[in-house]
Amino acid sequence: MDIYDVMRTTGAVRVFTGEPLPDETLVRILDNARFAPSGGNRQGARVVVVRERATMQALADLTDTGFRRYIAQQRRGESPWNPLHPTGASAEELAAVRVPRAAQLLDADVALVICVDLNVVAAFDQDLDRIGLVAGASVYPLVWNILLAARNEGFGGVLTTMVVPEEPAVKELLGIPADFAVAAVLPLGKPVKQVTRLTRKSVSEFVTRERFDGPAF
């Protein structure tokens, strides 16, 4: 596929046919995705390939905390998990949420758990009075390359972070060392429907000249 076609049609895939994603195809996906840049070319990412259904179920169960707060905040008109605006949801409201089945994990053929070695990231924003973002630059290009490569192979997936609030339990489940962070889980499989056109803001809506408040580019 043309690279621009891949970029314009790689949407979030959450519904899968059940068709297998063979190991040889997954190796090809990862073999091409590994050329993503990382900070200082330290290549601190580690990927755990999960196919065992019991482990997939355990990961799905660990999304409950994330889903529960997400849904409770949506019901309150809040922006879920927003770092600037803490939730006003009570423990009773959280407990009352009926958590949906984590279909995107349970119906995927494989889940990739993406980890990053915190010993090799350069978090230049660690002393700022806000939540850290910059360390993610060392791993998320790889995540996106995996999704682009999967699209090129006729498969798809989605970047999910719902398990992250339960990171200690995820580490115990998968034997992840203490110095590693769980950056994302990527369920992958054959899409029920392959998106042919995505809707996004136009360039002029989010790009400006010279300054944040400059004229639209």
N, C-alpha and C. Protein backbone atom coordinates (compact mmCIF):
# COMPACT_ATOMS: atom_id res chain seq x y z
N MET A 1 0.83 -1.20 0.00
CA MET A 1 0.00 0.00 0.00
C MET A 1 0.86 1.25 0.00
N ASP A 2 0.36 2.31 -0.60
CA ASP A 2 1.02 3.60 -0.54
C ASP A 2 1.04 4.09 0.91
N ILE A 3 2.16 4.69 1.34
CA ILE A 3 2.30 5.09 2.74
C ILE A 3 1.21 6.08 3.14
N TYR A 4 0.83 7.00 2.27
CA TYR A 4 -0.23 7.95 2.62
C TYR A 4 -1.58 7.26 2.76
N ASP A 5 -1.83 6.24 1.95
CA ASP A 5 -3.08 5.48 2.09
C ASP A 5 -3.11 4.76 3.43
N VAL A 6 -1.98 4.19 3.83
CA VAL A 6 -1.91 3.51 5.12
C VAL A 6 -2.16 4.50 6.25
N MET A 7 -1.53 5.69 6.18
CA MET A 7 -1.70 6.69 7.23
C MET A 7 -3.15 7.17 7.33
N ARG A 8 -3.82 7.29 6.19
CA ARG A 8 -5.18 7.83 6.16
C ARG A 8 -6.25 6.78 6.48
N THR A 9 -5.87 5.51 6.57
CA THR A 9 -6.86 4.46 6.79
C THR A 9 -6.54 3.56 7.98
N THR A 10 -5.57 3.97 8.80
CA THR A 10 -5.24 3.19 9.99
C THR A 10 -6.04 3.74 11.16
N GLY A 11 -7.24 3.25 11.31
CA GLY A 11 -8.10 3.68 12.40
C GLY A 11 -8.02 2.73 13.58
N ALA A 12 -8.74 3.04 14.64
CA ALA A 12 -8.79 2.19 15.82
C ALA A 12 -9.72 1.01 15.54
N VAL A 13 -9.17 -0.19 15.54
CA VAL A 13 -9.95 -1.40 15.27
C VAL A 13 -10.22 -2.12 16.59
N ARG A 14 -11.49 -2.27 16.92
CA ARG A 14 -11.88 -2.90 18.19
C ARG A 14 -12.76 -4.13 17.99
N VAL A 15 -13.17 -4.40 16.75
CA VAL A 15 -14.05 -5.54 16.48
C VAL A 15 -13.35 -6.43 15.46
N PHE A 16 -13.19 -7.71 15.80
CA PHE A 16 -12.39 -8.62 15.01
C PHE A 16 -13.21 -9.82 14.53
N THR A 17 -12.77 -10.41 13.43
CA THR A 17 -13.49 -11.53 12.84
C THR A 17 -13.19 -12.85 13.53
N GLY A 18 -12.07 -12.94 14.22
CA GLY A 18 -11.62 -14.20 14.79
C GLY A 18 -10.62 -14.92 13.92
N GLU A 19 -10.38 -14.39 12.72
CA GLU A 19 -9.37 -14.99 11.84
C GLU A 19 -7.99 -14.88 12.47
N PRO A 20 -7.19 -15.93 12.44
CA PRO A 20 -5.88 -15.90 13.10
C PRO A 20 -4.93 -14.89 12.46
N LEU A 21 -4.07 -14.33 13.30
CA LEU A 21 -2.94 -13.52 12.85
C LEU A 21 -1.72 -14.41 13.04
N PRO A 22 -1.22 -15.03 11.97
CA PRO A 22 -0.14 -16.01 12.10
C PRO A 22 1.14 -15.40 12.67
N ASP A 23 1.90 -16.23 13.35
CA ASP A 23 3.17 -15.77 13.91
C ASP A 23 4.08 -15.17 12.84
N GLU A 24 4.10 -15.81 11.66
CA GLU A 24 5.01 -15.29 10.62
C GLU A 24 4.61 -13.89 10.18
N THR A 25 3.31 -13.60 10.17
CA THR A 25 2.85 -12.25 9.83
C THR A 25 3.19 -11.28 10.95
N LEU A 26 2.99 -11.72 12.18
CA LEU A 26 3.31 -10.85 13.32
C LEU A 26 4.80 -10.55 13.38
N VAL A 27 5.63 -11.54 13.07
CA VAL A 27 7.07 -11.29 13.02
C VAL A 27 7.39 -10.24 11.97
N ARG A 28 6.74 -10.33 10.80
CA ARG A 28 6.97 -9.34 9.74
C ARG A 28 6.53 -7.95 10.19
N ILE A 29 5.41 -7.88 10.88
CA ILE A 29 4.93 -6.59 11.41
C ILE A 29 5.97 -6.00 12.36
N LEU A 30 6.43 -6.80 13.30
CA LEU A 30 7.38 -6.31 14.31
C LEU A 30 8.75 -6.04 13.70
N ASP A 31 9.13 -6.83 12.71
CA ASP A 31 10.43 -6.65 12.06
C ASP A 31 10.51 -5.31 11.35
N ASN A 32 9.40 -4.86 10.79
CA ASN A 32 9.39 -3.55 10.14
C ASN A 32 9.15 -2.42 11.15
N ALA A 33 8.31 -2.67 12.15
CA ALA A 33 7.99 -1.64 13.14
C ALA A 33 9.20 -1.25 13.99
N ARG A 34 10.15 -2.17 14.14
CA ARG A 34 11.29 -1.94 15.04
C ARG A 34 12.19 -0.79 14.61
N PHE A 35 12.02 -0.30 13.38
CA PHE A 35 12.84 0.80 12.90
C PHE A 35 12.32 2.17 13.35
N ALA A 36 11.34 2.18 14.23
CA ALA A 36 10.86 3.44 14.81
C ALA A 36 11.99 4.10 15.61
N PRO A 37 12.02 5.42 15.64
CA PRO A 37 13.04 6.11 16.43
C PRO A 37 12.76 5.98 17.92
N SER A 38 13.80 6.10 18.73
CA SER A 38 13.66 6.16 20.18
C SER A 38 14.70 7.13 20.71
N GLY A 39 14.47 7.63 21.91
CA GLY A 39 15.39 8.62 22.48
C GLY A 39 16.81 8.10 22.57
N GLY A 40 17.74 8.82 21.92
CA GLY A 40 19.14 8.41 21.95
C GLY A 40 19.38 7.07 21.27
N ASN A 41 18.41 6.60 20.50
CA ASN A 41 18.46 5.27 19.87
C ASN A 41 18.75 4.19 20.91
N ARG A 42 18.22 4.37 22.13
CA ARG A 42 18.49 3.40 23.20
C ARG A 42 17.60 2.17 23.09
N GLN A 43 16.52 2.28 22.34
CA GLN A 43 15.67 1.12 22.04
C GLN A 43 15.26 0.38 23.32
N GLY A 44 14.64 1.13 24.22
CA GLY A 44 14.28 0.58 25.51
C GLY A 44 12.95 -0.15 25.55
N ALA A 45 12.31 -0.32 24.40
CA ALA A 45 11.01 -0.99 24.39
C ALA A 45 11.15 -2.50 24.51
N ARG A 46 10.20 -3.11 25.18
CA ARG A 46 10.05 -4.56 25.22
C ARG A 46 8.60 -4.89 24.90
N VAL A 47 8.40 -5.95 24.14
CA VAL A 47 7.05 -6.35 23.72
C VAL A 47 6.78 -7.77 24.20
N VAL A 48 5.67 -7.94 24.89
CA VAL A 48 5.24 -9.27 25.32
C VAL A 48 4.07 -9.69 24.44
N VAL A 49 4.23 -10.78 23.71
CA VAL A 49 3.18 -11.30 22.84
C VAL A 49 2.31 -12.25 23.64
N VAL A 50 1.04 -11.91 23.78
CA VAL A 50 0.12 -12.71 24.59
C VAL A 50 -0.92 -13.36 23.68
N ARG A 51 -0.95 -14.69 23.71
CA ARG A 51 -1.97 -15.44 22.97
C ARG A 51 -2.82 -16.33 23.88
N GLU A 52 -2.30 -16.71 25.02
CA GLU A 52 -3.04 -17.58 25.93
C GLU A 52 -4.34 -16.90 26.35
N ARG A 53 -5.45 -17.61 26.20
CA ARG A 53 -6.75 -17.01 26.47
C ARG A 53 -6.91 -16.65 27.96
N ALA A 54 -6.33 -17.44 28.84
CA ALA A 54 -6.44 -17.14 30.26
C ALA A 54 -5.73 -15.83 30.60
N THR A 55 -4.59 -15.60 29.94
CA THR A 55 -3.86 -14.36 30.18
C THR A 55 -4.60 -13.19 29.58
N MET A 56 -5.19 -13.38 28.40
CA MET A 56 -6.00 -12.32 27.79
C MET A 56 -7.17 -11.97 28.71
N GLN A 57 -7.79 -12.99 29.30
CA GLN A 57 -8.90 -12.74 30.22
C GLN A 57 -8.42 -11.97 31.45
N ALA A 58 -7.26 -12.33 31.96
CA ALA A 58 -6.72 -11.63 33.13
C ALA A 58 -6.44 -10.17 32.79
N LEU A 59 -5.88 -9.91 31.61
CA LEU A 59 -5.65 -8.52 31.19
C LEU A 59 -6.98 -7.78 31.04
N ALA A 60 -7.97 -8.45 30.48
CA ALA A 60 -9.29 -7.83 30.32
C ALA A 60 -9.87 -7.47 31.69
N ASP A 61 -9.72 -8.37 32.66
CA ASP A 61 -10.23 -8.10 34.01
C ASP A 61 -9.55 -6.89 34.62
N LEU A 62 -8.28 -6.69 34.28
CA LEU A 62 -7.52 -5.58 34.85
C LEU A 62 -7.88 -4.24 34.22
N THR A 63 -8.72 -4.24 33.20
CA THR A 63 -9.20 -2.97 32.63
C THR A 63 -10.39 -2.43 33.41
N ASP A 64 -10.94 -3.20 34.33
CA ASP A 64 -12.15 -2.77 35.04
C ASP A 64 -11.98 -1.43 35.76
N THR A 65 -10.84 -1.25 36.41
CA THR A 65 -10.60 0.00 37.15
C THR A 65 -10.64 1.19 36.21
N GLY A 66 -9.96 1.06 35.08
CA GLY A 66 -9.95 2.15 34.11
C GLY A 66 -11.32 2.43 33.54
N PHE A 67 -12.03 1.38 33.15
CA PHE A 67 -13.37 1.54 32.58
C PHE A 67 -14.34 2.14 33.60
N ARG A 68 -14.26 1.68 34.84
CA ARG A 68 -15.21 2.13 35.84
C ARG A 68 -15.13 3.64 36.04
N ARG A 69 -13.93 4.15 36.20
CA ARG A 69 -13.79 5.60 36.37
C ARG A 69 -14.13 6.34 35.09
N TYR A 70 -13.72 5.79 33.95
CA TYR A 70 -14.00 6.43 32.67
C TYR A 70 -15.51 6.64 32.49
N ILE A 71 -16.27 5.59 32.74
CA ILE A 71 -17.72 5.65 32.54
C ILE A 71 -18.37 6.57 33.57
N ALA A 72 -17.92 6.48 34.83
CA ALA A 72 -18.48 7.33 35.87
C ALA A 72 -18.25 8.80 35.56
N GLN A 73 -17.07 9.12 35.05
CA GLN A 73 -16.78 10.52 34.72
C GLN A 73 -17.58 10.98 33.51
N GLN A 74 -17.74 10.12 32.52
CA GLN A 74 -18.58 10.47 31.38
C GLN A 74 -19.99 10.80 31.82
N ARG A 75 -20.52 10.02 32.74
CA ARG A 75 -21.88 10.26 33.22
C ARG A 75 -22.01 11.60 33.92
N ARG A 76 -20.92 12.06 34.52
CA ARG A 76 -20.91 13.34 35.22
C ARG A 76 -20.60 14.51 34.30
N GLY A 77 -20.33 14.21 33.03
CA GLY A 77 -19.94 15.27 32.09
C GLY A 77 -18.50 15.70 32.23
N GLU A 78 -17.68 14.87 32.88
CA GLU A 78 -16.27 15.16 33.04
C GLU A 78 -15.46 14.58 31.89
N SER A 79 -14.24 15.07 31.74
CA SER A 79 -13.31 14.49 30.77
C SER A 79 -12.58 13.35 31.46
N PRO A 80 -12.83 12.10 31.07
CA PRO A 80 -12.31 10.95 31.82
C PRO A 80 -10.80 10.93 31.99
N TRP A 81 -10.37 10.69 33.21
CA TRP A 81 -8.96 10.55 33.56
C TRP A 81 -8.13 11.79 33.22
N ASN A 82 -8.76 12.94 33.13
CA ASN A 82 -8.02 14.15 32.79
C ASN A 82 -7.13 14.59 33.96
N PRO A 83 -5.84 14.85 33.70
CA PRO A 83 -4.93 15.20 34.80
C PRO A 83 -5.14 16.59 35.38
N LEU A 84 -5.80 17.48 34.64
CA LEU A 84 -6.02 18.84 35.13
C LEU A 84 -7.30 18.98 35.94
N HIS A 85 -8.23 18.08 35.72
CA HIS A 85 -9.53 18.19 36.38
C HIS A 85 -9.86 16.86 37.06
N PRO A 86 -9.50 16.73 38.33
CA PRO A 86 -9.76 15.47 39.07
C PRO A 86 -11.25 15.15 39.10
N THR A 87 -11.54 13.89 39.18
CA THR A 87 -12.94 13.47 39.18
C THR A 87 -13.64 13.82 40.49
N GLY A 88 -14.91 14.12 40.35
CA GLY A 88 -15.74 14.32 41.53
C GLY A 88 -16.58 13.09 41.83
N ALA A 89 -16.36 12.01 41.08
CA ALA A 89 -17.15 10.80 41.27
C ALA A 89 -16.85 10.17 42.63
N SER A 90 -17.89 9.82 43.35
CA SER A 90 -17.73 9.21 44.66
C SER A 90 -17.43 7.72 44.53
N ALA A 91 -17.02 7.13 45.62
CA ALA A 91 -16.78 5.69 45.64
C ALA A 91 -18.06 4.94 45.31
N GLU A 92 -19.18 5.47 45.75
CA GLU A 92 -20.47 4.83 45.47
C GLU A 92 -20.79 4.89 43.97
N GLU A 93 -20.50 6.03 43.34
CA GLU A 93 -20.74 6.15 41.90
C GLU A 93 -19.85 5.19 41.12
N LEU A 94 -18.60 5.09 41.53
CA LEU A 94 -17.68 4.18 40.85
C LEU A 94 -18.14 2.73 41.00
N ALA A 95 -18.55 2.38 42.20
CA ALA A 95 -18.97 1.01 42.46
C ALA A 95 -20.24 0.64 41.70
N ALA A 96 -21.05 1.65 41.39
CA ALA A 96 -22.33 1.40 40.71
C ALA A 96 -22.17 1.18 39.21
N VAL A 97 -21.00 1.44 38.67
CA VAL A 97 -20.78 1.31 37.23
C VAL A 97 -20.74 -0.16 36.84
N ARG A 98 -21.50 -0.49 35.84
CA ARG A 98 -21.45 -1.84 35.28
C ARG A 98 -20.40 -1.84 34.16
N VAL A 99 -19.31 -2.54 34.40
CA VAL A 99 -18.19 -2.51 33.46
C VAL A 99 -18.52 -3.37 32.24
N PRO A 100 -18.34 -2.83 31.02
CA PRO A 100 -18.64 -3.61 29.81
C PRO A 100 -17.60 -4.70 29.58
N ARG A 101 -17.97 -5.67 28.82
CA ARG A 101 -17.04 -6.74 28.42
C ARG A 101 -15.93 -6.12 27.59
N ALA A 102 -14.70 -6.45 27.92
CA ALA A 102 -13.54 -5.90 27.21
C ALA A 102 -13.35 -6.63 25.89
N ALA A 103 -14.30 -6.40 24.98
CA ALA A 103 -14.34 -7.17 23.73
C ALA A 103 -13.08 -7.00 22.90
N GLN A 104 -12.52 -5.78 22.89
CA GLN A 104 -11.35 -5.56 22.03
C GLN A 104 -10.17 -6.43 22.44
N LEU A 105 -10.10 -6.78 23.72
CA LEU A 105 -9.05 -7.70 24.17
C LEU A 105 -9.47 -9.15 24.03
N LEU A 106 -10.68 -9.45 24.44
CA LEU A 106 -11.11 -10.84 24.47
C LEU A 106 -11.34 -11.43 23.09
N ASP A 107 -11.66 -10.59 22.11
CA ASP A 107 -11.94 -11.09 20.76
C ASP A 107 -10.75 -10.97 19.82
N ALA A 108 -9.68 -10.31 20.27
CA ALA A 108 -8.49 -10.18 19.44
C ALA A 108 -7.77 -11.53 19.36
N ASP A 109 -7.01 -11.72 18.30
CA ASP A 109 -6.24 -12.96 18.18
C ASP A 109 -4.99 -12.92 19.05
N VAL A 110 -4.45 -11.72 19.24
CA VAL A 110 -3.22 -11.57 20.01
C VAL A 110 -3.24 -10.20 20.67
N ALA A 111 -2.57 -10.09 21.81
CA ALA A 111 -2.40 -8.80 22.46
C ALA A 111 -0.90 -8.57 22.67
N LEU A 112 -0.44 -7.39 22.28
CA LEU A 112 0.95 -7.02 22.51
C LEU A 112 1.00 -6.06 23.70
N VAL A 113 1.73 -6.43 24.73
CA VAL A 113 1.91 -5.56 25.88
C VAL A 113 3.24 -4.83 25.68
N ILE A 114 3.15 -3.51 25.52
CA ILE A 114 4.33 -2.70 25.21
C ILE A 114 4.88 -2.11 26.50
N CYS A 115 6.14 -2.39 26.77
CA CYS A 115 6.81 -1.89 27.97
C CYS A 115 8.00 -1.02 27.56
N VAL A 116 8.42 -0.15 28.47
CA VAL A 116 9.60 0.66 28.20
C VAL A 116 10.49 0.67 29.44
N ASP A 117 11.78 0.54 29.22
CA ASP A 117 12.78 0.54 30.28
C ASP A 117 12.99 1.97 30.76
N LEU A 118 12.59 2.27 31.99
CA LEU A 118 12.71 3.64 32.50
C LEU A 118 14.16 4.04 32.75
N ASN A 119 15.08 3.08 32.73
CA ASN A 119 16.50 3.41 32.90
C ASN A 119 17.08 4.12 31.68
N VAL A 120 16.40 4.03 30.54
CA VAL A 120 16.99 4.59 29.32
C VAL A 120 16.14 5.70 28.71
N VAL A 121 15.08 6.15 29.40
CA VAL A 121 14.30 7.26 28.86
C VAL A 121 14.83 8.58 29.41
N ALA A 122 14.67 9.64 28.61
CA ALA A 122 15.07 10.98 29.03
C ALA A 122 13.80 11.80 29.22
N ALA A 123 13.34 11.89 30.46
CA ALA A 123 12.10 12.61 30.77
C ALA A 123 12.44 14.06 31.07
N PHE A 124 12.64 14.84 30.02
CA PHE A 124 13.05 16.24 30.18
C PHE A 124 12.00 17.09 30.88
N ASP A 125 10.79 16.58 30.96
CA ASP A 125 9.72 17.35 31.61
C ASP A 125 9.47 16.91 33.05
N GLN A 126 10.36 16.12 33.61
CA GLN A 126 10.09 15.54 34.93
C GLN A 126 10.02 16.57 36.05
N ASP A 127 10.64 17.74 35.88
CA ASP A 127 10.62 18.75 36.94
C ASP A 127 9.58 19.84 36.71
N LEU A 128 8.80 19.71 35.65
CA LEU A 128 7.74 20.67 35.40
C LEU A 128 6.52 20.38 36.26
N ASP A 129 5.73 21.41 36.50
CA ASP A 129 4.54 21.27 37.34
C ASP A 129 3.36 20.80 36.50
N ARG A 130 3.51 19.65 35.90
CA ARG A 130 2.45 19.02 35.12
C ARG A 130 2.77 17.55 34.97
N ILE A 131 1.81 16.80 34.47
CA ILE A 131 2.03 15.38 34.27
C ILE A 131 3.08 15.16 33.17
N GLY A 132 3.92 14.16 33.33
CA GLY A 132 4.98 13.91 32.36
C GLY A 132 4.45 13.31 31.06
N LEU A 133 5.02 13.74 29.94
CA LEU A 133 4.65 13.23 28.62
C LEU A 133 5.85 12.81 27.78
N VAL A 134 6.96 13.48 27.98
CA VAL A 134 8.08 13.37 27.04
C VAL A 134 8.69 11.98 27.01
N ALA A 135 8.70 11.27 28.12
CA ALA A 135 9.30 9.93 28.14
C ALA A 135 8.61 8.99 27.16
N GLY A 136 7.35 9.26 26.86
CA GLY A 136 6.63 8.42 25.90
C GLY A 136 7.20 8.47 24.51
N ALA A 137 7.99 9.51 24.21
CA ALA A 137 8.61 9.62 22.89
C ALA A 137 9.53 8.44 22.60
N SER A 138 9.96 7.74 23.65
CA SER A 138 10.86 6.62 23.46
C SER A 138 10.15 5.33 23.09
N VAL A 139 8.82 5.30 23.14
CA VAL A 139 8.13 4.04 22.88
C VAL A 139 6.94 4.18 21.93
N TYR A 140 6.25 5.31 21.94
CA TYR A 140 5.03 5.38 21.14
C TYR A 140 5.25 5.43 19.62
N PRO A 141 6.39 5.90 19.12
CA PRO A 141 6.63 5.71 17.68
C PRO A 141 6.62 4.23 17.28
N LEU A 142 7.15 3.36 18.12
CA LEU A 142 7.11 1.93 17.86
C LEU A 142 5.67 1.42 17.84
N VAL A 143 4.88 1.88 18.81
CA VAL A 143 3.47 1.48 18.88
C VAL A 143 2.76 1.83 17.59
N TRP A 144 2.96 3.05 17.12
CA TRP A 144 2.28 3.49 15.90
C TRP A 144 2.79 2.72 14.68
N ASN A 145 4.09 2.45 14.63
CA ASN A 145 4.63 1.67 13.53
C ASN A 145 4.00 0.28 13.48
N ILE A 146 3.76 -0.32 14.65
CA ILE A 146 3.11 -1.63 14.70
C ILE A 146 1.72 -1.55 14.08
N LEU A 147 0.96 -0.53 14.44
CA LEU A 147 -0.39 -0.39 13.90
C LEU A 147 -0.38 -0.12 12.40
N LEU A 148 0.58 0.68 11.93
CA LEU A 148 0.70 0.94 10.49
C LEU A 148 1.07 -0.35 9.75
N ALA A 149 2.01 -1.10 10.31
CA ALA A 149 2.43 -2.35 9.67
C ALA A 149 1.30 -3.36 9.67
N ALA A 150 0.53 -3.42 10.75
CA ALA A 150 -0.61 -4.33 10.80
C ALA A 150 -1.62 -3.96 9.73
N ARG A 151 -1.87 -2.68 9.56
CA ARG A 151 -2.80 -2.23 8.51
C ARG A 151 -2.30 -2.66 7.14
N ASN A 152 -1.02 -2.54 6.92
CA ASN A 152 -0.43 -2.92 5.64
C ASN A 152 -0.59 -4.41 5.35
N GLU A 153 -0.68 -5.21 6.41
CA GLU A 153 -0.84 -6.66 6.28
C GLU A 153 -2.31 -7.08 6.26
N GLY A 154 -3.23 -6.10 6.32
CA GLY A 154 -4.65 -6.42 6.31
C GLY A 154 -5.22 -6.71 7.68
N PHE A 155 -4.46 -6.40 8.73
CA PHE A 155 -4.93 -6.58 10.10
C PHE A 155 -5.09 -5.21 10.75
N GLY A 156 -5.50 -5.18 11.99
CA GLY A 156 -5.68 -3.91 12.66
C GLY A 156 -5.68 -4.08 14.16
N GLY A 157 -5.74 -2.98 14.85
CA GLY A 157 -5.74 -3.00 16.31
C GLY A 157 -5.98 -1.62 16.86
N VAL A 158 -5.73 -1.47 18.15
CA VAL A 158 -5.96 -0.19 18.79
C VAL A 158 -4.99 -0.05 19.96
N LEU A 159 -4.53 1.17 20.17
CA LEU A 159 -3.67 1.48 21.31
C LEU A 159 -4.58 1.65 22.53
N THR A 160 -4.43 0.78 23.51
CA THR A 160 -5.23 0.88 24.73
C THR A 160 -4.32 1.07 25.94
N THR A 161 -4.82 1.83 26.91
CA THR A 161 -4.07 2.06 28.15
C THR A 161 -4.93 1.78 29.38
N MET A 162 -6.05 1.11 29.20
CA MET A 162 -6.99 0.87 30.30
C MET A 162 -6.39 0.02 31.42
N VAL A 163 -5.36 -0.78 31.12
CA VAL A 163 -4.77 -1.61 32.18
C VAL A 163 -3.78 -0.84 33.05
N VAL A 164 -3.34 0.33 32.59
CA VAL A 164 -2.25 1.03 33.26
C VAL A 164 -2.55 1.38 34.72
N PRO A 165 -3.80 1.75 35.09
CA PRO A 165 -4.05 1.99 36.51
C PRO A 165 -3.75 0.77 37.39
N GLU A 166 -3.75 -0.40 36.79
CA GLU A 166 -3.43 -1.64 37.52
C GLU A 166 -2.05 -2.17 37.13
N GLU A 167 -1.13 -1.26 36.85
CA GLU A 167 0.20 -1.67 36.39
C GLU A 167 0.89 -2.67 37.32
N PRO A 168 0.85 -2.52 38.64
CA PRO A 168 1.51 -3.53 39.49
C PRO A 168 0.98 -4.94 39.26
N ALA A 169 -0.33 -5.06 39.06
CA ALA A 169 -0.91 -6.39 38.81
C ALA A 169 -0.51 -6.91 37.43
N VAL A 170 -0.41 -6.01 36.45
CA VAL A 170 0.02 -6.42 35.11
C VAL A 170 1.47 -6.91 35.17
N LYS A 171 2.30 -6.22 35.92
CA LYS A 171 3.70 -6.63 36.06
C LYS A 171 3.80 -8.01 36.69
N GLU A 172 3.00 -8.24 37.72
CA GLU A 172 3.02 -9.55 38.37
C GLU A 172 2.53 -10.64 37.43
N LEU A 173 1.49 -10.34 36.67
CA LEU A 173 0.92 -11.31 35.73
C LEU A 173 1.93 -11.74 34.68
N LEU A 174 2.69 -10.77 34.16
CA LEU A 174 3.57 -11.04 33.02
C LEU A 174 5.05 -11.09 33.38
N GLY A 175 5.38 -10.93 34.65
CA GLY A 175 6.79 -10.99 35.04
C GLY A 175 7.59 -9.80 34.57
N ILE A 176 6.99 -8.63 34.54
CA ILE A 176 7.67 -7.42 34.06
C ILE A 176 8.50 -6.83 35.20
N PRO A 177 9.77 -6.52 34.97
CA PRO A 177 10.63 -5.98 36.03
C PRO A 177 10.15 -4.62 36.53
N ALA A 178 10.56 -4.28 37.74
CA ALA A 178 10.13 -3.04 38.39
C ALA A 178 10.55 -1.80 37.62
N ASP A 179 11.69 -1.85 36.94
CA ASP A 179 12.20 -0.67 36.24
C ASP A 179 11.52 -0.41 34.90
N PHE A 180 10.57 -1.24 34.53
CA PHE A 180 9.85 -1.06 33.27
C PHE A 180 8.46 -0.51 33.55
N ALA A 181 7.98 0.34 32.64
CA ALA A 181 6.61 0.85 32.70
C ALA A 181 5.78 0.19 31.61
N VAL A 182 4.52 -0.03 31.90
CA VAL A 182 3.58 -0.52 30.89
C VAL A 182 3.05 0.68 30.13
N ALA A 183 3.37 0.76 28.85
CA ALA A 183 3.01 1.92 28.05
C ALA A 183 1.70 1.74 27.31
N ALA A 184 1.39 0.51 26.90
CA ALA A 184 0.18 0.29 26.13
C ALA A 184 -0.06 -1.21 25.96
N VAL A 185 -1.29 -1.54 25.63
CA VAL A 185 -1.64 -2.89 25.19
C VAL A 185 -2.27 -2.75 23.81
N LEU A 186 -1.80 -3.55 22.86
CA LEU A 186 -2.32 -3.49 21.49
C LEU A 186 -3.02 -4.80 21.16
N PRO A 187 -4.36 -4.85 21.22
CA PRO A 187 -5.06 -6.01 20.68
C PRO A 187 -4.99 -5.97 19.16
N LEU A 188 -4.67 -7.10 18.54
CA LEU A 188 -4.55 -7.15 17.08
C LEU A 188 -5.37 -8.31 16.53
N GLY A 189 -5.90 -8.12 15.33
CA GLY A 189 -6.65 -9.18 14.66
C GLY A 189 -7.14 -8.70 13.31
N LYS A 190 -7.95 -9.52 12.68
CA LYS A 190 -8.53 -9.17 11.38
C LYS A 190 -9.78 -8.33 11.62
N PRO A 191 -9.83 -7.11 11.08
CA PRO A 191 -10.99 -6.25 11.31
C PRO A 191 -12.26 -6.80 10.67
N VAL A 192 -13.39 -6.66 11.36
CA VAL A 192 -14.67 -6.98 10.75
C VAL A 192 -14.94 -6.02 9.60
N LYS A 193 -14.57 -4.74 9.82
CA LYS A 193 -14.74 -3.72 8.78
C LYS A 193 -13.46 -2.92 8.68
N GLN A 194 -12.89 -2.88 7.49
CA GLN A 194 -11.67 -2.12 7.27
C GLN A 194 -12.04 -0.70 6.86
N VAL A 195 -11.62 0.26 7.66
CA VAL A 195 -11.93 1.66 7.38
C VAL A 195 -11.23 2.11 6.11
N THR A 196 -11.96 2.82 5.27
CA THR A 196 -11.36 3.33 4.03
C THR A 196 -11.16 4.84 4.06
N ARG A 197 -11.81 5.49 5.02
CA ARG A 197 -11.65 6.94 5.12
C ARG A 197 -11.88 7.37 6.56
N LEU A 198 -10.92 8.10 7.13
CA LEU A 198 -11.04 8.60 8.49
C LEU A 198 -11.37 10.08 8.47
N THR A 199 -12.03 10.54 9.51
CA THR A 199 -12.37 11.96 9.64
C THR A 199 -11.49 12.59 10.71
N ARG A 200 -10.77 13.63 10.34
CA ARG A 200 -9.91 14.33 11.28
C ARG A 200 -10.00 15.84 11.02
N LYS A 201 -9.52 16.62 11.98
CA LYS A 201 -9.47 18.07 11.80
C LYS A 201 -8.59 18.40 10.59
N SER A 202 -8.92 19.50 9.92
CA SER A 202 -8.08 19.96 8.82
C SER A 202 -6.79 20.55 9.38
N VAL A 203 -5.76 20.66 8.55
CA VAL A 203 -4.47 21.21 8.98
C VAL A 203 -4.65 22.59 9.58
N SER A 204 -5.46 23.42 8.94
CA SER A 204 -5.62 24.81 9.41
C SER A 204 -6.30 24.90 10.77
N GLU A 205 -6.94 23.83 11.21
CA GLU A 205 -7.62 23.84 12.50
C GLU A 205 -6.69 23.58 13.68
N PHE A 206 -5.51 22.99 13.42
CA PHE A 206 -4.64 22.70 14.56
C PHE A 206 -3.17 23.08 14.35
N VAL A 207 -2.87 23.76 13.23
CA VAL A 207 -1.50 24.19 12.95
C VAL A 207 -1.50 25.70 12.76
N THR A 208 -0.56 26.38 13.47
CA THR A 208 -0.44 27.84 13.35
C THR A 208 0.99 28.22 12.98
N ARG A 209 1.13 29.45 12.51
CA ARG A 209 2.45 29.96 12.12
C ARG A 209 3.12 30.70 13.27
N GLU A 210 4.36 30.35 13.53
CA GLU A 210 5.28 31.08 14.41
C GLU A 210 4.94 31.05 15.90
N ARG A 211 3.66 31.15 16.27
CA ARG A 211 3.24 31.16 17.66
C ARG A 211 1.99 30.32 17.84
N PHE A 212 1.74 29.90 19.10
CA PHE A 212 0.53 29.13 19.37
C PHE A 212 -0.71 29.89 18.95
N ASP A 213 -0.69 31.22 19.16
CA ASP A 213 -1.84 32.05 18.79
C ASP A 213 -1.63 32.73 17.45
N GLY A 214 -0.71 32.20 16.63
CA GLY A 214 -0.45 32.76 15.32
C GLY A 214 -1.53 32.41 14.31
N PRO A 215 -1.41 32.92 13.11
CA PRO A 215 -2.41 32.63 12.08
C PRO A 215 -2.38 31.17 11.66
N ALA A 216 -3.50 30.70 11.20
CA ALA A 216 -3.59 29.30 10.77
C ALA A 216 -2.63 29.04 9.62
N PHE A 217 -2.02 27.86 9.64
CA PHE A 217 -1.07 27.49 8.59
C PHE A 217 -1.82 26.90 7.40
